[in-house]
Amino acid sequence: MEQAVAKLLDEAAAAPLKGWDFSWSAGRITISPLPWDYAALAAGALHDATTALDMGTGGGEFLDRFPVFPPRLVATESWPPNVPVAASRLGGRGVPVIHSEDAAENARQAGEDDRGRLPFGGDAFDLVRNRHEAFNAAEVARVLAPGGRFLTQQAGSAPDQFHVLLGLRPPSRPAFDLTWLKLVRRFLAHRVPGCGWGRKPPVSSRDRAMRANRRITVSRATPSQAQQADDS
C-alpha cells in the first residue's frame, strides 16, 4: 500500500501543471455525483448579467466553456503561473485577466483580515462568480452592485479520505462546520446595515437583506466532488 501511494504521489508531483488541467488524473478518481449543477447555475447567471467578475479563473478552462458572455466580463487569478495561461485562452474572447491578491483560506479567516483585495471600484459588477477560490467577503460585497448576485460553489474540507488511504485515524472535529455560515454573515455585515459580524444578527436582518436585494448562492462540495464538477 505504501509503495502504491508513494508511486501515485511521485507521478502527481511530476505531472505538468498549467492552469487547472487535471486530465492526466483520469481514471484515478472515484467520486460521487453532486446534488446540484453548478455549470448550469453559472451559465444562467452569465447569460443574465451585464457586468461580471470571474474570480479565481485558473487557466480559464471552465469559463471558456460558456458560449455566452456578458457585455463586460473580467477575470482575476491569484496564482501567478496561471495568469498568462488564462490570458492566452480568454484574450481572444475579449476577457482581460488580472493578477489579484489572494485571500486567506476561508476556514482560517479571522477578524478583519484585509487580504484578498480586489482591484475594482465599488458596485462594479452585477455578477461575481467564484467557483472554488478563497475570498474576502468584504471585498466581494464592495464590488457587487445593488441587485447583483454572488455565485460560489467552494470545496469543503474532507480530510477523512486521505487518512483512510494512509491507514490513519481521522482527527476529531465538530459535527457541523460553521465556516460557510460565518462567511455569509460576514458578507451580509458589509451589505446589510445592522447585520453584525461576530455577534448575533438583529431580528430584522432578514428583512434588511431582502431590501438590499443581493443574492447569494453558496454550494459546498468535497474536493473530489468539486473536481467532478470541473470535469463535467
Protein backbone atom coordinates (compact mmCIF):
# COMPACT_ATOMS: atom_id res chain seq x y z
CA MET A 1 0.00 0.00 0.00
CA GLU A 2 2.73 2.48 0.98
CA GLN A 3 4.63 1.81 -2.25
CA ALA A 4 1.48 2.27 -4.33
CA VAL A 5 0.69 5.57 -2.59
CA ALA A 6 4.29 6.76 -2.99
CA LYS A 7 4.19 5.95 -6.71
CA LEU A 8 0.97 7.89 -7.20
CA LEU A 9 2.36 10.87 -5.31
CA ASP A 10 5.57 10.83 -7.37
CA GLU A 11 3.61 10.71 -10.62
CA ALA A 12 1.39 13.56 -9.48
CA ALA A 13 4.42 15.66 -8.50
CA ALA A 14 5.95 15.11 -11.94
CA ALA A 15 2.77 15.95 -13.88
CA PRO A 16 2.86 19.30 -15.73
CA LEU A 17 0.52 21.87 -14.22
CA LYS A 18 -0.67 24.67 -16.48
CA GLY A 19 -3.94 26.23 -15.46
CA TRP A 20 -6.34 23.77 -13.84
CA ASP A 21 -5.99 20.92 -16.33
CA PHE A 22 -6.07 17.66 -14.40
CA SER A 23 -6.85 15.39 -17.35
CA TRP A 24 -3.71 13.38 -16.53
CA SER A 25 -5.53 12.04 -13.45
CA ALA A 26 -8.38 10.50 -15.46
CA GLY A 27 -9.30 7.03 -14.22
CA ARG A 28 -7.70 7.56 -10.82
CA ILE A 29 -10.54 9.28 -9.03
CA THR A 30 -13.71 7.70 -7.68
CA ILE A 31 -16.31 10.34 -6.93
CA SER A 32 -19.98 10.65 -6.09
CA PRO A 33 -22.28 12.94 -8.10
CA LEU A 34 -23.04 16.46 -6.93
CA PRO A 35 -26.60 17.25 -5.81
CA TRP A 36 -26.60 20.40 -7.97
CA ASP A 37 -25.46 21.51 -11.42
CA TYR A 38 -23.03 24.34 -10.87
CA ALA A 39 -22.27 24.72 -14.57
CA ALA A 40 -25.97 25.28 -15.30
CA LEU A 41 -26.22 27.84 -12.50
CA ALA A 42 -23.15 29.66 -13.83
CA ALA A 43 -24.42 29.60 -17.42
CA GLY A 44 -27.71 31.14 -16.39
CA ALA A 45 -26.03 33.79 -14.26
CA LEU A 46 -23.61 34.76 -17.04
CA HIS A 47 -26.45 34.94 -19.54
CA ASP A 48 -28.43 37.33 -17.34
CA ALA A 49 -25.51 39.55 -16.29
CA THR A 50 -24.39 42.82 -17.84
CA THR A 51 -21.10 43.17 -15.96
CA ALA A 52 -19.41 40.18 -14.37
CA LEU A 53 -16.28 39.22 -12.47
CA ASP A 54 -14.87 35.68 -12.60
CA MET A 55 -12.72 35.21 -9.50
CA GLY A 56 -10.06 32.52 -9.43
CA THR A 57 -10.39 31.72 -13.11
CA GLY A 58 -7.39 29.34 -13.01
CA GLY A 59 -6.27 28.84 -16.59
CA GLY A 60 -9.65 30.00 -17.86
CA GLU A 61 -10.68 26.45 -18.78
CA PHE A 62 -14.05 26.44 -17.03
CA LEU A 63 -15.05 29.97 -18.04
CA ASP A 64 -14.14 29.35 -21.68
CA ARG A 65 -16.73 26.56 -21.88
CA PHE A 66 -19.62 29.01 -21.81
CA PRO A 67 -20.80 30.21 -25.24
CA VAL A 68 -22.42 33.42 -23.95
CA PHE A 69 -20.56 36.10 -22.01
CA PRO A 70 -21.90 39.34 -20.52
CA PRO A 71 -21.06 42.54 -22.44
CA ARG A 72 -18.39 43.28 -19.83
CA LEU A 73 -16.52 40.39 -18.24
CA VAL A 74 -13.26 40.48 -16.27
CA ALA A 75 -11.36 37.55 -14.76
CA THR A 76 -8.92 37.52 -11.85
CA GLU A 77 -6.37 34.92 -10.79
CA SER A 78 -4.11 34.98 -7.73
CA TRP A 79 -1.61 32.27 -8.70
CA PRO A 80 0.96 33.99 -10.98
CA PRO A 81 1.75 31.00 -13.28
CA ASN A 82 -1.92 30.75 -14.21
CA VAL A 83 -2.30 34.38 -15.31
CA PRO A 84 -0.61 34.11 -18.74
CA VAL A 85 -2.33 30.76 -19.38
CA ALA A 86 -5.74 32.29 -18.73
CA ALA A 87 -4.88 35.46 -20.66
CA SER A 88 -3.92 33.40 -23.70
CA ARG A 89 -7.10 31.36 -23.54
CA LEU A 90 -9.57 34.17 -22.79
CA GLY A 91 -7.92 37.08 -24.57
CA GLY A 92 -9.37 36.08 -27.91
CA ARG A 93 -12.85 36.39 -26.43
CA GLY A 94 -12.21 39.87 -25.13
CA VAL A 95 -11.82 38.94 -21.46
CA PRO A 96 -8.93 40.66 -19.63
CA VAL A 97 -7.23 38.59 -16.93
CA ILE A 98 -5.85 40.48 -13.93
CA HIS A 99 -3.48 39.17 -11.29
CA SER A 100 -5.15 39.73 -7.92
CA GLU A 101 -4.13 39.37 -4.30
CA ASP A 102 -5.01 36.01 -2.79
CA ALA A 103 -7.25 35.87 0.27
CA ALA A 104 -6.60 33.82 3.38
CA GLU A 105 -8.19 30.38 3.31
CA ASN A 106 -11.87 30.72 4.13
CA ALA A 107 -11.72 28.42 7.12
CA ARG A 108 -8.75 30.34 8.58
CA GLN A 109 -10.01 33.88 8.22
CA ALA A 110 -10.48 35.78 11.45
CA GLY A 111 -11.45 39.32 12.31
CA GLU A 112 -10.95 41.90 9.62
CA ASP A 113 -8.23 40.23 7.55
CA ASP A 114 -7.86 42.51 4.54
CA ARG A 115 -6.03 40.10 2.23
CA GLY A 116 -7.87 39.32 -0.98
CA ARG A 117 -8.47 42.92 -2.04
CA LEU A 118 -9.98 43.32 -5.49
CA PRO A 119 -8.61 45.97 -7.89
CA PHE A 120 -12.00 47.41 -8.83
CA GLY A 121 -14.26 50.24 -7.77
CA GLY A 122 -17.36 49.76 -5.66
CA ASP A 123 -20.62 48.44 -7.16
CA ALA A 124 -18.73 47.47 -10.32
CA PHE A 125 -20.38 44.14 -11.16
CA ASP A 126 -23.89 42.72 -11.13
CA LEU A 127 -22.42 39.20 -11.01
CA VAL A 128 -19.42 37.91 -9.08
CA ARG A 129 -18.70 34.25 -9.83
CA ASN A 130 -16.24 32.32 -7.70
CA ARG A 131 -16.01 28.60 -8.20
CA HIS A 132 -13.51 27.47 -5.54
CA GLU A 133 -11.20 30.33 -4.65
CA ALA A 134 -10.96 31.72 -1.11
CA PHE A 135 -12.48 35.19 -0.94
CA ASN A 136 -12.57 38.28 1.21
CA ALA A 137 -16.29 38.71 1.94
CA ALA A 138 -15.96 42.45 2.49
CA GLU A 139 -14.32 42.90 -0.90
CA VAL A 140 -16.89 40.80 -2.74
CA ALA A 141 -19.64 42.82 -1.09
CA ARG A 142 -17.91 46.08 -2.02
CA VAL A 143 -17.63 45.37 -5.76
CA LEU A 144 -21.08 43.80 -6.08
CA ALA A 145 -23.70 46.26 -7.34
CA PRO A 146 -27.17 46.60 -5.78
CA GLY A 147 -29.39 43.87 -7.16
CA GLY A 148 -26.32 41.78 -8.01
CA ARG A 149 -25.55 38.13 -7.39
CA PHE A 150 -22.62 36.31 -5.81
CA LEU A 151 -22.43 32.74 -7.12
CA THR A 152 -19.91 30.41 -5.47
CA GLN A 153 -19.51 26.67 -5.09
CA GLN A 154 -16.49 26.28 -2.77
CA ALA A 155 -14.99 23.00 -1.65
CA GLY A 156 -15.30 21.79 1.91
CA SER A 157 -12.50 20.13 3.80
CA ALA A 158 -12.63 16.34 3.55
CA PRO A 159 -9.51 15.00 5.28
CA ASP A 160 -11.00 11.63 6.14
CA GLN A 161 -10.42 10.18 2.68
CA PHE A 162 -6.66 10.81 2.94
CA HIS A 163 -6.43 9.44 6.47
CA VAL A 164 -8.26 6.28 5.44
CA LEU A 165 -5.94 5.88 2.44
CA LEU A 166 -2.90 6.10 4.69
CA GLY A 167 -4.39 3.89 7.42
CA LEU A 168 -4.59 6.71 9.96
CA ARG A 169 -7.33 7.71 12.37
CA PRO A 170 -9.18 10.83 11.15
CA PRO A 171 -8.97 13.80 13.52
CA SER A 172 -11.99 14.71 15.61
CA ARG A 173 -13.85 17.85 14.57
CA PRO A 174 -17.23 19.47 15.18
CA ALA A 175 -20.20 17.67 13.68
CA PHE A 176 -21.31 20.88 11.94
CA ASP A 177 -18.83 23.22 10.28
CA LEU A 178 -19.87 26.86 10.74
CA THR A 179 -17.25 28.22 8.33
CA TRP A 180 -19.66 28.92 5.48
CA LEU A 181 -22.33 30.34 7.75
CA LYS A 182 -19.73 32.74 9.14
CA LEU A 183 -18.68 33.78 5.64
CA VAL A 184 -22.27 34.51 4.63
CA ARG A 185 -22.75 36.54 7.81
CA ARG A 186 -19.56 38.47 7.09
CA PHE A 187 -20.81 39.18 3.56
CA LEU A 188 -24.14 40.41 4.89
CA ALA A 189 -22.42 42.52 7.52
CA HIS A 190 -20.88 44.60 4.74
CA ARG A 191 -24.01 44.81 2.59
CA VAL A 192 -26.86 44.95 5.08
CA PRO A 193 -26.94 47.69 7.74
CA GLY A 194 -27.31 46.31 11.25
CA CYS A 195 -26.26 42.75 10.44
CA GLY A 196 -23.12 42.49 12.56
CA TRP A 197 -20.09 40.25 12.12
CA GLY A 198 -19.10 38.26 15.16
CA ARG A 199 -22.34 38.82 17.05
CA LYS A 200 -25.91 37.61 16.83
CA PRO A 201 -27.68 39.47 13.98
CA PRO A 202 -30.75 41.50 14.91
CA VAL A 203 -34.18 40.03 14.32
CA SER A 204 -34.80 42.32 11.38
CA SER A 205 -31.63 41.32 9.50
CA ARG A 206 -33.55 39.02 7.14
CA ASP A 207 -35.88 41.83 6.14
CA ARG A 208 -32.92 44.14 5.62
CA ALA A 209 -31.23 41.53 3.44
CA MET A 210 -34.33 41.24 1.27
CA ARG A 211 -34.50 45.00 0.87
CA ALA A 212 -30.81 45.15 -0.03
CA ASN A 213 -31.65 42.72 -2.86
CA ARG A 214 -28.27 41.00 -3.00
CA ARG A 215 -28.50 37.37 -3.96
CA ILE A 216 -26.05 34.85 -2.56
CA THR A 217 -25.82 31.36 -3.98
CA VAL A 218 -23.47 29.18 -1.94
CA SER A 219 -22.99 25.47 -2.56
CA ARG A 220 -20.46 23.27 -0.85
CA ALA A 221 -18.67 20.18 -2.14
CA THR A 222 -15.84 17.97 -1.05
CA PRO A 223 -12.63 18.42 -3.10
CA SER A 224 -13.34 15.26 -5.11
CA GLN A 225 -16.91 16.33 -5.83
CA ALA A 226 -15.70 19.75 -6.91
CA GLN A 227 -13.21 18.13 -9.29
CA GLN A 228 -16.06 16.14 -10.86
CA ALA A 229 -17.96 19.37 -11.46
CA ASP A 230 -14.89 20.82 -13.16
CA ASP A 231 -14.53 17.83 -15.47
CA SER A 232 -18.22 17.51 -16.40
